[in-house]
C-alpha atoms as a PDB file:
ATOM      1  CA  MET A   1     179.407 161.180 -40.881  1.00  0.00           C
ATOM      2  CA  ALA A   2     177.072 162.625 -43.464  1.00  0.00           C
ATOM      3  CA  ALA A   3     178.167 165.671 -45.386  1.00  0.00           C
ATOM      4  CA  LYS A   4     176.797 167.158 -48.569  1.00  0.00           C
ATOM      5  CA  LYS A   5     178.903 168.507 -51.366  1.00  0.00           C
ATOM      6  CA  LEU A   6     179.316 172.259 -51.530  1.00  0.00           C
ATOM      7  CA  CYS A   7     176.988 172.788 -54.489  1.00  0.00           C
ATOM      8  CA  GLU A   8     174.242 170.685 -52.867  1.00  0.00           C
ATOM      9  CA  SER A   9     174.255 172.545 -49.543  1.00  0.00           C
ATOM     10  CA  PHE A  10     174.363 176.206 -50.603  1.00  0.00           C
ATOM     11  CA  SER A  11     172.760 178.310 -53.316  1.00  0.00           C
ATOM     12  CA  LYS A  12     174.595 179.103 -56.523  1.00  0.00           C
ATOM     13  CA  ALA A  13     174.214 182.823 -55.772  1.00  0.00           C
ATOM     14  CA  LEU A  14     175.970 182.425 -52.413  1.00  0.00           C
ATOM     15  CA  ILE A  15     178.844 180.452 -53.942  1.00  0.00           C
ATOM     16  CA  GLU A  16     179.289 183.120 -56.608  1.00  0.00           C
ATOM     17  CA  GLU A  17     179.328 185.802 -53.936  1.00  0.00           C
ATOM     18  CA  VAL A  18     181.938 183.859 -51.946  1.00  0.00           C
ATOM     19  CA  HIS A  19     184.183 183.766 -55.019  1.00  0.00           C
ATOM     20  CA  ARG A  20     183.638 187.477 -55.649  1.00  0.00           C
ATOM     21  CA  TRP A  21     184.572 188.408 -52.066  1.00  0.00           C
ATOM     22  CA  GLY A  22     187.460 185.966 -52.047  1.00  0.00           C
ATOM     23  CA  CYS A  23     189.108 188.019 -54.814  1.00  0.00           C
ATOM     24  CA  MET A  24     189.056 191.180 -52.698  1.00  0.00           C
ATOM     25  CA  LYS A  25     192.229 192.363 -50.988  1.00  0.00           C
ATOM     26  CA  GLN A  26     192.713 191.653 -47.291  1.00  0.00           C
ATOM     27  CA  THR A  27     193.662 194.546 -45.018  1.00  0.00           C
ATOM     28  CA  GLY A  28     196.461 193.818 -42.574  1.00  0.00           C
ATOM     29  CA  VAL A  29     196.453 195.494 -39.179  1.00  0.00           C
ATOM     30  CA  SER A  30     199.573 196.248 -37.148  1.00  0.00           C
ATOM     31  CA  LEU A  31     199.579 194.792 -33.673  1.00  0.00           C
ATOM     32  CA  ARG A  32     200.476 198.156 -32.176  1.00  0.00           C
ATOM     33  CA  TYR A  33     197.416 199.639 -33.863  1.00  0.00           C
ATOM     34  CA  MET A  34     195.243 196.846 -32.453  1.00  0.00           C
ATOM     35  CA  MET A  35     196.455 197.655 -28.940  1.00  0.00           C
ATOM     36  CA  GLU A  36     196.179 201.429 -29.237  1.00  0.00           C
ATOM     37  CA  PHE A  37     192.785 201.343 -30.925  1.00  0.00           C
ATOM     38  CA  GLY A  38     191.433 198.765 -28.482  1.00  0.00           C
ATOM     39  CA  SER A  39     192.663 200.682 -25.449  1.00  0.00           C
ATOM     40  CA  LYS A  40     190.204 203.514 -26.236  1.00  0.00           C
ATOM     41  CA  PRO A  41     186.803 201.792 -26.573  1.00  0.00           C
ATOM     42  CA  THR A  42     184.775 204.913 -27.310  1.00  0.00           C
ATOM     43  CA  GLU A  43     181.439 204.589 -29.108  1.00  0.00           C
ATOM     44  CA  LYS A  44     183.022 205.982 -32.255  1.00  0.00           C
ATOM     45  CA  ASN A  45     185.964 203.544 -32.135  1.00  0.00           C
ATOM     46  CA  LEU A  46     183.682 200.581 -31.491  1.00  0.00           C
ATOM     47  CA  LEU A  47     181.536 201.583 -34.457  1.00  0.00           C
ATOM     48  CA  ILE A  48     184.568 201.978 -36.749  1.00  0.00           C
ATOM     49  CA  SER A  49     185.899 198.616 -35.575  1.00  0.00           C
ATOM     50  CA  ALA A  50     182.588 196.836 -36.229  1.00  0.00           C
ATOM     51  CA  GLN A  51     182.292 198.387 -39.705  1.00  0.00           C
ATOM     52  CA  PHE A  52     185.848 197.276 -40.543  1.00  0.00           C
ATOM     53  CA  LEU A  53     185.244 193.734 -39.272  1.00  0.00           C
ATOM     54  CA  HIS A  54     181.935 193.472 -41.119  1.00  0.00           C
ATOM     55  CA  LYS A  55     183.832 193.651 -44.424  1.00  0.00           C
ATOM     56  CA  GLU A  56     187.228 192.243 -43.485  1.00  0.00           C
ATOM     57  CA  LEU A  57     185.946 189.046 -41.858  1.00  0.00           C
ATOM     58  CA  ALA A  58     183.801 188.307 -44.916  1.00  0.00           C
ATOM     59  CA  ILE A  59     186.842 188.638 -47.208  1.00  0.00           C
ATOM     60  CA  ARG A  60     189.070 186.429 -45.061  1.00  0.00           C
ATOM     61  CA  ILE A  61     186.414 183.766 -44.508  1.00  0.00           C
ATOM     62  CA  ALA A  62     185.565 183.701 -48.236  1.00  0.00           C
ATOM     63  CA  ARG A  63     189.232 183.138 -49.111  1.00  0.00           C
ATOM     64  CA  ARG A  64     189.464 180.146 -46.797  1.00  0.00           C
ATOM     65  CA  ALA A  65     186.200 178.655 -48.066  1.00  0.00           C
ATOM     66  CA  ILE A  66     187.518 178.847 -51.648  1.00  0.00           C
ATOM     67  CA  GLU A  67     190.841 177.292 -50.709  1.00  0.00           C
ATOM     68  CA  LEU A  68     189.019 174.352 -49.114  1.00  0.00           C
ATOM     69  CA  GLU A  69     187.497 173.506 -52.518  1.00  0.00           C
ATOM     70  CA  ASN A  70     190.623 172.379 -54.376  1.00  0.00           C
ATOM     71  CA  LEU A  71     192.918 170.393 -52.085  1.00  0.00           C
ATOM     72  CA  PRO A  72     195.075 167.564 -53.472  1.00  0.00           C
ATOM     73  CA  TYR A  73     194.281 163.835 -53.222  1.00  0.00           C
ATOM     74  CA  GLY A  74     190.567 164.495 -52.794  1.00  0.00           C
ATOM     75  CA  LEU A  75     191.047 165.959 -49.306  1.00  0.00           C
ATOM     76  CA  SER A  76     188.345 168.528 -50.126  1.00  0.00           C
ATOM     77  CA  ASN A  77     185.767 165.732 -50.402  1.00  0.00           C
ATOM     78  CA  LYS A  78     186.429 164.117 -47.035  1.00  0.00           C
ATOM     79  CA  PRO A  79     183.408 164.428 -44.707  1.00  0.00           C
ATOM     80  CA  ALA A  80     185.313 166.325 -42.003  1.00  0.00           C
ATOM     81  CA  VAL A  81     186.683 168.877 -44.483  1.00  0.00           C
ATOM     82  CA  LEU A  82     183.231 169.351 -46.026  1.00  0.00           C
ATOM     83  CA  LYS A  83     181.941 170.046 -42.511  1.00  0.00           C
ATOM     84  CA  VAL A  84     184.601 172.734 -42.002  1.00  0.00           C
ATOM     85  CA  GLN A  85     183.687 174.254 -45.350  1.00  0.00           C
ATOM     86  CA  ASP A  86     180.043 174.351 -44.229  1.00  0.00           C
ATOM     87  CA  TRP A  87     181.094 176.315 -41.132  1.00  0.00           C
ATOM     88  CA  TYR A  88     182.970 178.877 -43.230  1.00  0.00           C
ATOM     89  CA  LEU A  89     180.110 179.269 -45.696  1.00  0.00           C
ATOM     90  CA  ASP A  90     177.559 179.600 -42.871  1.00  0.00           C
ATOM     91  CA  SER A  91     179.709 182.326 -41.296  1.00  0.00           C
ATOM     92  CA  PHE A  92     180.150 184.124 -44.628  1.00  0.00           C
ATOM     93  CA  ARG A  93     176.382 184.080 -45.149  1.00  0.00           C
ATOM     94  CA  ASP A  94     175.781 185.403 -41.608  1.00  0.00           C
ATOM     95  CA  LEU A  95     178.175 188.296 -42.237  1.00  0.00           C
ATOM     96  CA  ARG A  96     176.712 189.194 -45.627  1.00  0.00           C
ATOM     97  CA  CYS A  97     173.122 188.975 -44.369  1.00  0.00           C
ATOM     98  CA  PHE A  98     173.882 191.341 -41.502  1.00  0.00           C
ATOM     99  CA  PRO A  99     172.745 194.876 -42.459  1.00  0.00           C
ATOM    100  CA  GLY A 100     175.032 197.909 -42.475  1.00  0.00           C
ATOM    101  CA  ILE A 101     176.292 198.993 -39.053  1.00  0.00           C
ATOM    102  CA  LYS A 102     175.152 202.554 -38.401  1.00  0.00           C
ATOM    103  CA  ASP A 103     174.825 202.991 -34.630  1.00  0.00           C
ATOM    104  CA  THR A 104     175.610 201.494 -31.213  1.00  0.00           C
ATOM    105  CA  SER A 105     172.616 199.169 -31.340  1.00  0.00           C
ATOM    106  CA  ASP A 106     173.875 197.699 -34.633  1.00  0.00           C
ATOM    107  CA  GLU A 107     177.387 197.398 -33.210  1.00  0.00           C
ATOM    108  CA  LEU A 108     176.156 195.443 -30.157  1.00  0.00           C
ATOM    109  CA  ALA A 109     174.121 193.081 -32.332  1.00  0.00           C
ATOM    110  CA  PHE A 110     177.115 192.578 -34.643  1.00  0.00           C
ATOM    111  CA  THR A 111     179.369 191.830 -31.653  1.00  0.00           C
ATOM    112  CA  GLU A 112     176.984 189.088 -30.513  1.00  0.00           C
ATOM    113  CA  MET A 113     176.943 187.612 -34.011  1.00  0.00           C
ATOM    114  CA  ILE A 114     180.736 187.406 -34.351  1.00  0.00           C
ATOM    115  CA  LYS A 115     180.905 185.785 -30.906  1.00  0.00           C
ATOM    116  CA  MET A 116     178.638 183.074 -32.303  1.00  0.00           C
ATOM    117  CA  ILE A 117     180.897 182.762 -35.355  1.00  0.00           C
ATOM    118  CA  LYS A 118     183.911 182.305 -33.092  1.00  0.00           C
ATOM    119  CA  VAL A 119     182.143 179.497 -31.213  1.00  0.00           C
ATOM    120  CA  ARG A 120     181.069 177.860 -34.479  1.00  0.00           C
ATOM    121  CA  HIS A 121     184.730 177.617 -35.522  1.00  0.00           C
ATOM    122  CA  ASN A 122     186.048 176.328 -32.173  1.00  0.00           C
ATOM    123  CA  ASN A 123     186.773 172.854 -33.528  1.00  0.00           C
ATOM    124  CA  VAL A 124     188.185 173.722 -36.938  1.00  0.00           C
ATOM    125  CA  VAL A 125     191.684 172.438 -36.057  1.00  0.00           C
ATOM    126  CA  PRO A 126     190.697 168.939 -34.829  1.00  0.00           C
ATOM    127  CA  MET A 127     188.112 168.637 -37.595  1.00  0.00           C
ATOM    128  CA  MET A 128     190.741 169.373 -40.262  1.00  0.00           C
ATOM    129  CA  ALA A 129     193.033 166.876 -38.514  1.00  0.00           C
ATOM    130  CA  LEU A 130     190.238 164.325 -38.759  1.00  0.00           C
ATOM    131  CA  GLY A 131     189.929 165.081 -42.478  1.00  0.00           C
ATOM    132  CA  VAL A 132     193.643 164.311 -42.953  1.00  0.00           C
ATOM    133  CA  GLN A 133     193.189 161.078 -40.983  1.00  0.00           C
ATOM    134  CA  GLN A 134     190.241 160.163 -43.219  1.00  0.00           C
ATOM    135  CA  LEU A 135     192.433 160.795 -46.272  1.00  0.00           C
ATOM    136  CA  LYS A 136     195.205 158.558 -44.930  1.00  0.00           C
ATOM    137  CA  LYS A 137     192.717 155.866 -43.919  1.00  0.00           C
ATOM    138  CA  ASP A 138     190.971 155.838 -47.315  1.00  0.00           C
ATOM    139  CA  SER A 139     194.199 155.827 -49.319  1.00  0.00           C
ATOM    140  CA  THR A 140     194.922 152.612 -51.203  1.00  0.00           C
ATOM    141  CA  PRO A 141     198.303 151.234 -52.297  1.00  0.00           C
ATOM    142  CA  LYS A 142     197.448 152.562 -55.764  1.00  0.00           C
ATOM    143  CA  VAL A 143     197.169 156.108 -54.401  1.00  0.00           C
ATOM    144  CA  LYS A 144     200.657 156.978 -53.217  1.00  0.00           C
ATOM    145  CA  PHE A 145     201.435 160.348 -51.718  1.00  0.00           C
ATOM    146  CA  VAL A 146     204.202 162.069 -53.653  1.00  0.00           C
ATOM    147  CA  PRO A 147     206.375 164.592 -51.796  1.00  0.00           C
ATOM    148  CA  GLU A 148     204.981 167.499 -53.832  1.00  0.00           C
ATOM    149  CA  GLY A 149     201.431 166.614 -52.783  1.00  0.00           C
ATOM    150  CA  LEU A 150     202.395 166.286 -49.124  1.00  0.00           C
ATOM    151  CA  ASP A 151     204.126 169.660 -49.304  1.00  0.00           C
ATOM    152  CA  GLU A 152     201.027 171.171 -50.887  1.00  0.00           C
ATOM    153  CA  ILE A 153     198.794 169.853 -48.093  1.00  0.00           C
ATOM    154  CA  HIS A 154     201.253 171.016 -45.432  1.00  0.00           C
ATOM    155  CA  GLN A 155     201.553 174.494 -46.965  1.00  0.00           C
ATOM    156  CA  PHE A 156     197.785 174.742 -47.223  1.00  0.00           C
ATOM    157  CA  LEU A 157     197.340 173.807 -43.554  1.00  0.00           C
ATOM    158  CA  ASP A 158     199.977 176.374 -42.536  1.00  0.00           C
ATOM    159  CA  ARG A 159     198.150 179.100 -44.498  1.00  0.00           C
ATOM    160  CA  PHE A 160     194.751 177.948 -43.321  1.00  0.00           C
ATOM    161  CA  TYR A 161     195.645 177.836 -39.631  1.00  0.00           C
ATOM    162  CA  MET A 162     197.591 181.099 -39.809  1.00  0.00           C
ATOM    163  CA  SER A 163     194.545 182.771 -41.336  1.00  0.00           C
ATOM    164  CA  ARG A 164     192.352 181.258 -38.616  1.00  0.00           C
ATOM    165  CA  ILE A 165     194.639 182.755 -35.960  1.00  0.00           C
ATOM    166  CA  GLY A 166     194.254 186.149 -37.658  1.00  0.00           C
ATOM    167  CA  ILE A 167     190.457 185.903 -37.843  1.00  0.00           C
ATOM    168  CA  ARG A 168     190.190 184.922 -34.175  1.00  0.00           C
ATOM    169  CA  MET A 169     192.688 187.639 -33.268  1.00  0.00           C
ATOM    170  CA  LEU A 170     190.455 190.276 -34.846  1.00  0.00           C
ATOM    171  CA  ILE A 171     187.580 188.993 -32.718  1.00  0.00           C
ATOM    172  CA  GLY A 172     189.729 188.471 -29.578  1.00  0.00           C
ATOM    173  CA  TYR A 173     191.883 190.670 -27.385  1.00  0.00           C
ATOM    174  CA  ILE A 174     195.426 191.544 -26.286  1.00  0.00           C
ATOM    175  CA  HIS A 175     196.366 191.756 -22.605  1.00  0.00           C
ATOM    176  CA  THR A 176     198.561 194.836 -22.163  1.00  0.00           C
ATOM    177  CA  LYS A 177     200.189 193.639 -18.915  1.00  0.00           C
ATOM    178  CA  LEU A 178     200.525 189.867 -19.151  1.00  0.00           C
ATOM    179  CA  SER A 179     202.843 187.999 -16.775  1.00  0.00           C
ATOM    180  CA  PRO A 180     204.566 185.167 -18.694  1.00  0.00           C
ATOM    181  CA  VAL A 181     205.619 183.559 -15.406  1.00  0.00           C
ATOM    182  CA  GLU A 182     201.996 183.454 -14.253  1.00  0.00           C
ATOM    183  CA  VAL A 183     200.829 182.046 -17.587  1.00  0.00           C
ATOM    184  CA  ALA A 184     203.618 179.438 -17.452  1.00  0.00           C
ATOM    185  CA  ARG A 185     202.502 178.446 -13.945  1.00  0.00           C
ATOM    186  CA  ASN A 186     198.863 178.009 -14.992  1.00  0.00           C
ATOM    187  CA  ALA A 187     199.750 176.167 -18.212  1.00  0.00           C
ATOM    188  CA  SER A 188     202.098 173.850 -16.302  1.00  0.00           C
ATOM    189  CA  GLU A 189     199.389 173.018 -13.773  1.00  0.00           C
ATOM    190  CA  ASP A 190     197.008 172.144 -16.606  1.00  0.00           C
ATOM    191  CA  ALA A 191     199.645 169.979 -18.321  1.00  0.00           C
ATOM    192  CA  ARG A 192     200.520 168.196 -15.052  1.00  0.00           C
ATOM    193  CA  ALA A 193     196.827 167.466 -14.461  1.00  0.00           C
ATOM    194  CA  ILE A 194     196.661 165.679 -17.836  1.00  0.00           C
ATOM    195  CA  CYS A 195     199.886 163.785 -17.065  1.00  0.00           C
ATOM    196  CA  LEU A 196     198.531 162.720 -13.655  1.00  0.00           C
ATOM    197  CA  ARG A 197     195.296 161.542 -15.230  1.00  0.00           C
ATOM    198  CA  GLU A 198     197.112 159.507 -17.872  1.00  0.00           C
ATOM    199  CA  TYR A 199     200.040 158.075 -15.914  1.00  0.00           C
ATOM    200  CA  GLY A 200     199.036 158.387 -12.257  1.00  0.00           C
ATOM    201  CA  SER A 201     201.996 160.661 -11.506  1.00  0.00           C
ATOM    202  CA  ALA A 202     203.754 163.660 -13.033  1.00  0.00           C
ATOM    203  CA  PRO A 203     207.238 165.195 -12.819  1.00  0.00           C
ATOM    204  CA  ASP A 204     207.591 168.532 -11.056  1.00  0.00           C
ATOM    205  CA  VAL A 205     207.827 171.753 -13.052  1.00  0.00           C
ATOM    206  CA  ASN A 206     210.233 174.423 -11.780  1.00  0.00           C
ATOM    207  CA  ILE A 207     209.753 177.970 -13.087  1.00  0.00           C
ATOM    208  CA  TYR A 208     212.459 180.637 -13.008  1.00  0.00           C
ATOM    209  CA  GLY A 209     211.751 184.296 -13.767  1.00  0.00           C
ATOM    210  CA  ASP A 210     210.388 187.522 -12.352  1.00  0.00           C
ATOM    211  CA  PRO A 211     206.655 187.103 -11.592  1.00  0.00           C
ATOM    212  CA  SER A 212     206.190 190.892 -11.629  1.00  0.00           C
ATOM    213  CA  PHE A 213     207.471 191.238 -15.207  1.00  0.00           C
ATOM    214  CA  THR A 214     204.657 191.898 -17.708  1.00  0.00           C
ATOM    215  CA  PHE A 215     204.396 192.634 -21.436  1.00  0.00           C
ATOM    216  CA  PRO A 216     201.593 192.908 -24.019  1.00  0.00           C
ATOM    217  CA  TYR A 217     200.483 189.572 -25.451  1.00  0.00           C
ATOM    218  CA  VAL A 218     197.459 187.352 -26.039  1.00  0.00           C
ATOM    219  CA  PRO A 219     196.837 185.190 -22.927  1.00  0.00           C
ATOM    220  CA  THR A 220     195.132 182.303 -24.755  1.00  0.00           C
ATOM    221  CA  HIS A 221     197.935 182.071 -27.332  1.00  0.00           C
ATOM    222  CA  LEU A 222     200.713 182.035 -24.729  1.00  0.00           C
ATOM    223  CA  HIS A 223     198.880 179.536 -22.536  1.00  0.00           C
ATOM    224  CA  LEU A 224     198.344 177.209 -25.485  1.00  0.00           C
ATOM    225  CA  MET A 225     202.001 177.294 -26.564  1.00  0.00           C
ATOM    226  CA  VAL A 226     203.469 176.756 -23.083  1.00  0.00           C
ATOM    227  CA  PHE A 227     200.873 174.089 -22.271  1.00  0.00           C
ATOM    228  CA  GLU A 228     201.744 172.109 -25.398  1.00  0.00           C
ATOM    229  CA  LEU A 229     205.503 172.292 -24.806  1.00  0.00           C
ATOM    230  CA  VAL A 230     205.253 171.397 -21.116  1.00  0.00           C
ATOM    231  CA  LYS A 231     202.844 168.547 -21.890  1.00  0.00           C
ATOM    232  CA  ASN A 232     205.327 167.084 -24.371  1.00  0.00           C
ATOM    233  CA  SER A 233     208.178 167.382 -21.864  1.00  0.00           C
ATOM    234  CA  LEU A 234     206.181 165.811 -19.038  1.00  0.00           C
ATOM    235  CA  ARG A 235     205.204 162.886 -21.230  1.00  0.00           C
ATOM    236  CA  ALA A 236     208.809 162.351 -22.363  1.00  0.00           C
ATOM    237  CA  VAL A 237     210.175 162.428 -18.790  1.00  0.00           C
ATOM    238  CA  GLN A 238     207.370 160.257 -17.434  1.00  0.00           C
ATOM    239  CA  GLU A 239     207.892 157.574 -20.068  1.00  0.00           C
ATOM    240  CA  GLN A 240     211.682 157.739 -19.749  1.00  0.00           C
ATOM    241  CA  PHE A 241     211.612 157.165 -15.982  1.00  0.00           C
ATOM    242  CA  MET A 242     208.425 155.110 -15.657  1.00  0.00           C
ATOM    243  CA  ASN A 243     210.227 151.837 -14.885  1.00  0.00           C
ATOM    244  CA  SER A 244     213.266 153.396 -13.256  1.00  0.00           C
ATOM    245  CA  GLU A 245     214.094 153.511  -9.553  1.00  0.00           C
ATOM    246  CA  LYS A 246     215.441 157.037 -10.069  1.00  0.00           C
ATOM    247  CA  VAL A 247     213.270 160.032  -9.265  1.00  0.00           C
ATOM    248  CA  ALA A 248     212.032 161.691 -12.439  1.00  0.00           C
ATOM    249  CA  PRO A 249     213.914 164.996 -12.919  1.00  0.00           C
ATOM    250  CA  PRO A 250     211.799 168.166 -13.059  1.00  0.00           C
ATOM    251  CA  VAL A 251     210.914 170.057 -16.194  1.00  0.00           C
ATOM    252  CA  ARG A 252     212.516 173.516 -16.056  1.00  0.00           C
ATOM    253  CA  ILE A 253     210.985 176.714 -17.422  1.00  0.00           C
ATOM    254  CA  ILE A 254     213.090 179.874 -17.692  1.00  0.00           C
ATOM    255  CA  VAL A 255     211.509 183.219 -18.630  1.00  0.00           C
ATOM    256  CA  ALA A 256     213.985 185.786 -19.994  1.00  0.00           C
ATOM    257  CA  ASP A 257     213.113 189.454 -20.507  1.00  0.00           C
ATOM    258  CA  GLY A 258     215.136 190.629 -23.500  1.00  0.00           C
ATOM    259  CA  ILE A 259     215.133 193.956 -25.309  1.00  0.00           C
ATOM    260  CA  GLU A 260     213.860 192.479 -28.579  1.00  0.00           C
ATOM    261  CA  ASP A 261     212.161 189.263 -27.444  1.00  0.00           C
ATOM    262  CA  VAL A 262     210.688 187.668 -24.395  1.00  0.00           C
ATOM    263  CA  THR A 263     212.011 184.091 -24.483  1.00  0.00           C
ATOM    264  CA  ILE A 264     210.639 181.103 -22.626  1.00  0.00           C
ATOM    265  CA  LYS A 265     212.908 178.061 -22.483  1.00  0.00           C
ATOM    266  CA  ILE A 266     211.409 174.692 -21.543  1.00  0.00           C
ATOM    267  CA  SER A 267     213.972 171.979 -20.753  1.00  0.00           C
ATOM    268  CA  ASP A 268     213.502 168.315 -19.976  1.00  0.00           C
ATOM    269  CA  GLU A 269     215.602 165.191 -19.446  1.00  0.00           C
ATOM    270  CA  GLY A 270     213.173 162.913 -21.234  1.00  0.00           C
ATOM    271  CA  GLY A 271     215.639 161.153 -23.505  1.00  0.00           C
ATOM    272  CA  GLY A 272     215.538 163.537 -26.443  1.00  0.00           C
ATOM    273  CA  ILE A 273     214.490 163.098 -30.055  1.00  0.00           C
ATOM    274  CA  PRO A 274     216.599 161.278 -32.700  1.00  0.00           C
ATOM    275  CA  ARG A 275     218.115 163.751 -35.143  1.00  0.00           C
ATOM    276  CA  SER A 276     216.362 161.977 -38.026  1.00  0.00           C
ATOM    277  CA  GLY A 277     213.010 162.640 -36.360  1.00  0.00           C
ATOM    278  CA  LEU A 278     213.430 166.374 -35.804  1.00  0.00           C
ATOM    279  CA  PRO A 279     212.271 167.470 -39.305  1.00  0.00           C
ATOM    280  CA  LYS A 280     208.962 165.674 -38.744  1.00  0.00           C
ATOM    281  CA  ILE A 281     207.956 167.261 -35.459  1.00  0.00           C
ATOM    282  CA  PHE A 282     206.492 170.344 -37.162  1.00  0.00           C
ATOM    283  CA  THR A 283     204.477 168.416 -39.754  1.00  0.00           C
ATOM    284  CA  TYR A 284     200.748 167.687 -39.785  1.00  0.00           C
ATOM    285  CA  LEU A 285     200.825 164.421 -41.704  1.00  0.00           C
ATOM    286  CA  TYR A 286     202.970 162.089 -39.619  1.00  0.00           C
ATOM    287  CA  SER A 287     201.121 162.192 -36.311  1.00  0.00           C
ATOM    288  CA  THR A 288     200.165 158.900 -34.702  1.00  0.00           C
ATOM    289  CA  ALA A 289     198.284 160.604 -31.876  1.00  0.00           C
ATOM    290  CA  LYS A 290     194.621 159.711 -31.490  1.00  0.00           C
ATOM    291  CA  ASN A 291     192.201 162.417 -32.549  1.00  0.00           C
ATOM    292  CA  PRO A 292     189.509 163.094 -29.928  1.00  0.00           C
ATOM    293  CA  LEU A 293     187.094 163.454 -32.848  1.00  0.00           C
ATOM    294  CA  ASP A 294     186.760 160.053 -34.464  1.00  0.00           C
ATOM    295  CA  GLU A 295     184.467 158.738 -37.156  1.00  0.00           C
ATOM    296  CA  HIS A 296     181.712 158.073 -34.623  1.00  0.00           C
ATOM    297  CA  SER A 297     181.818 161.458 -32.889  1.00  0.00           C
ATOM    298  CA  ASP A 298     178.804 163.713 -32.828  1.00  0.00           C
ATOM    299  CA  ILE A 299     180.592 166.502 -34.675  1.00  0.00           C
ATOM    300  CA  VAL A 300     177.955 169.031 -33.687  1.00  0.00           C
ATOM    301  CA  SER A 301     178.585 168.732 -29.955  1.00  0.00           C
ATOM    302  CA  THR A 302     182.358 168.696 -29.537  1.00  0.00           C
ATOM    303  CA  ASP A 303     182.944 172.099 -27.979  1.00  0.00           C
ATOM    304  CA  GLY A 304     185.176 170.644 -25.246  1.00  0.00           C
ATOM    305  CA  VAL A 305     187.965 169.483 -27.567  1.00  0.00           C
ATOM    306  CA  THR A 306     191.382 170.842 -26.608  1.00  0.00           C
ATOM    307  CA  MET A 307     194.789 170.916 -28.281  1.00  0.00           C
ATOM    308  CA  ALA A 308     195.724 167.655 -26.571  1.00  0.00           C
ATOM    309  CA  GLY A 309     195.254 164.462 -28.463  1.00  0.00           C
ATOM    310  CA  TYR A 310     195.747 164.949 -32.178  1.00  0.00           C
ATOM    311  CA  GLY A 311     199.413 165.733 -32.598  1.00  0.00           C
ATOM    312  CA  TYR A 312     199.115 169.235 -34.029  1.00  0.00           C
ATOM    313  CA  GLY A 313     200.430 171.037 -30.955  1.00  0.00           C
ATOM    314  CA  LEU A 314     203.936 171.853 -32.172  1.00  0.00           C
ATOM    315  CA  PRO A 315     203.135 173.110 -35.696  1.00  0.00           C
ATOM    316  CA  ILE A 316     200.166 175.115 -34.412  1.00  0.00           C
ATOM    317  CA  SER A 317     202.235 176.552 -31.538  1.00  0.00           C
ATOM    318  CA  ARG A 318     204.925 177.665 -33.970  1.00  0.00           C
ATOM    319  CA  LEU A 319     202.286 179.417 -36.080  1.00  0.00           C
ATOM    320  CA  TYR A 320     200.983 181.248 -33.001  1.00  0.00           C
ATOM    321  CA  ALA A 321     204.515 182.410 -32.191  1.00  0.00           C
ATOM    322  CA  ARG A 322     205.225 183.464 -35.787  1.00  0.00           C
ATOM    323  CA  TYR A 323     201.935 185.318 -36.102  1.00  0.00           C
ATOM    324  CA  PHE A 324     203.365 187.970 -33.773  1.00  0.00           C
ATOM    325  CA  GLY A 325     206.862 187.920 -35.287  1.00  0.00           C
ATOM    326  CA  GLY A 326     208.297 185.345 -32.889  1.00  0.00           C
ATOM    327  CA  ASP A 327     209.319 181.723 -33.389  1.00  0.00           C
ATOM    328  CA  LEU A 328     209.570 178.288 -31.805  1.00  0.00           C
ATOM    329  CA  GLN A 329     212.788 176.262 -31.962  1.00  0.00           C
ATOM    330  CA  ILE A 330     213.397 172.732 -30.720  1.00  0.00           C
ATOM    331  CA  ILE A 331     216.933 171.568 -29.909  1.00  0.00           C
ATOM    332  CA  SER A 332     217.362 167.994 -28.776  1.00  0.00           C
ATOM    333  CA  MET A 333     220.128 165.725 -27.465  1.00  0.00           C
ATOM    334  CA  GLU A 334     219.228 162.128 -28.123  1.00  0.00           C
ATOM    335  CA  GLY A 335     219.953 160.126 -24.986  1.00  0.00           C
ATOM    336  CA  TYR A 336     219.467 163.134 -22.699  1.00  0.00           C
ATOM    337  CA  GLY A 337     216.619 165.550 -23.329  1.00  0.00           C
ATOM    338  CA  THR A 338     215.087 168.410 -25.261  1.00  0.00           C
ATOM    339  CA  ASP A 339     215.132 172.217 -25.032  1.00  0.00           C
ATOM    340  CA  ALA A 340     212.309 174.240 -26.557  1.00  0.00           C
ATOM    341  CA  TYR A 341     212.896 177.962 -27.119  1.00  0.00           C
ATOM    342  CA  LEU A 342     209.721 180.003 -27.466  1.00  0.00           C
ATOM    343  CA  HIS A 343     210.646 183.454 -28.778  1.00  0.00           C
ATOM    344  CA  LEU A 344     207.881 186.018 -28.252  1.00  0.00           C
ATOM    345  CA  SER A 345     208.319 189.273 -30.121  1.00  0.00           C
ATOM    346  CA  ARG A 346     207.431 192.366 -28.143  1.00  0.00           C
ATOM    347  CA  LEU A 347     204.348 193.635 -29.936  1.00  0.00           C
ATOM    348  CA  GLY A 348     205.537 196.528 -32.053  1.00  0.00           C
ATOM    349  CA  ASP A 349     204.778 197.644 -35.589  1.00  0.00           C
ATOM    350  CA  SER A 350     204.861 194.193 -37.196  1.00  0.00           C
ATOM    351  CA  GLN A 351     201.973 193.600 -39.565  1.00  0.00           C
ATOM    352  CA  GLU A 352     199.726 190.584 -39.530  1.00  0.00           C
ATOM    353  CA  PRO A 353     201.143 187.799 -41.733  1.00  0.00           C
ATOM    354  CA  LEU A 354     198.269 187.547 -44.223  1.00  0.00           C
ATOM    355  CA  PRO A 355     198.240 184.249 -46.149  1.00  0.00           C
END
């Protein structure tokens, strides 16, 4: 995988401008404001929104591009990470080259451009995962990871992915009447399809909750989180009962409508996780899962990559939950099974968590 160093690929003037914009203050937006503003798509509101995004996206993207420059253990110089940095610098340049937004015609053109930016960044997560794999692969016995360095990489990835969620949230949308039961049903069907493809069979998934209950949330975020948790449970149950004469027990999903939170509990009888292994399940650096992007991939044409396959599902899912003030907790009984509690905060006045 060929990748040029930052200074070789982009002009000095652009790099200086990136650093100048990266020093500017980010502007957080409350989720309630996003919903209320977006529910009235008048020409004036659309114009104000485009003008805000024109500046705000440039600041946020510049900050991430700068942070990619100075990662520990030479992670910044790995080909996959250099590729990600190229994407961020290309997007920054696109934003800065776009003229001032003065009317509806400008706003429509700007909307098309940021859609292209969103597509460009589709594979940032697996590409960064590949960069970490390249780092681990290239490490020699002389280069030992110290805990402080691992923590630094982990904290960077948390900030980086949280910022990415925020950038894509500004470009995306919130569904004001989303049915968590319906999303759970669709996500479970997708997860079972993967399980069937891999193992030839899949445990049932039973869902309990009121299908008519709705609340404001982001459909893609909720689908991703439930899909990842159900996929993990299906795999655990399938492998636990693969050579058993017993019928594999179903995975159970319970949707609870609380005053403060909407909580989705996903329970399985897949044997559980050893207590010593629980601290590692939310880390990025211990995964043994195969990355769908390997060294021989054509990294330009990998738009079909999903969350499955590179072991980042749980930490990324927890970030998605926390972005909106919620959380993800895993409680396990070794020898029996695992319960995952996905707490979804009702979208109120909480501000974006800006890294």
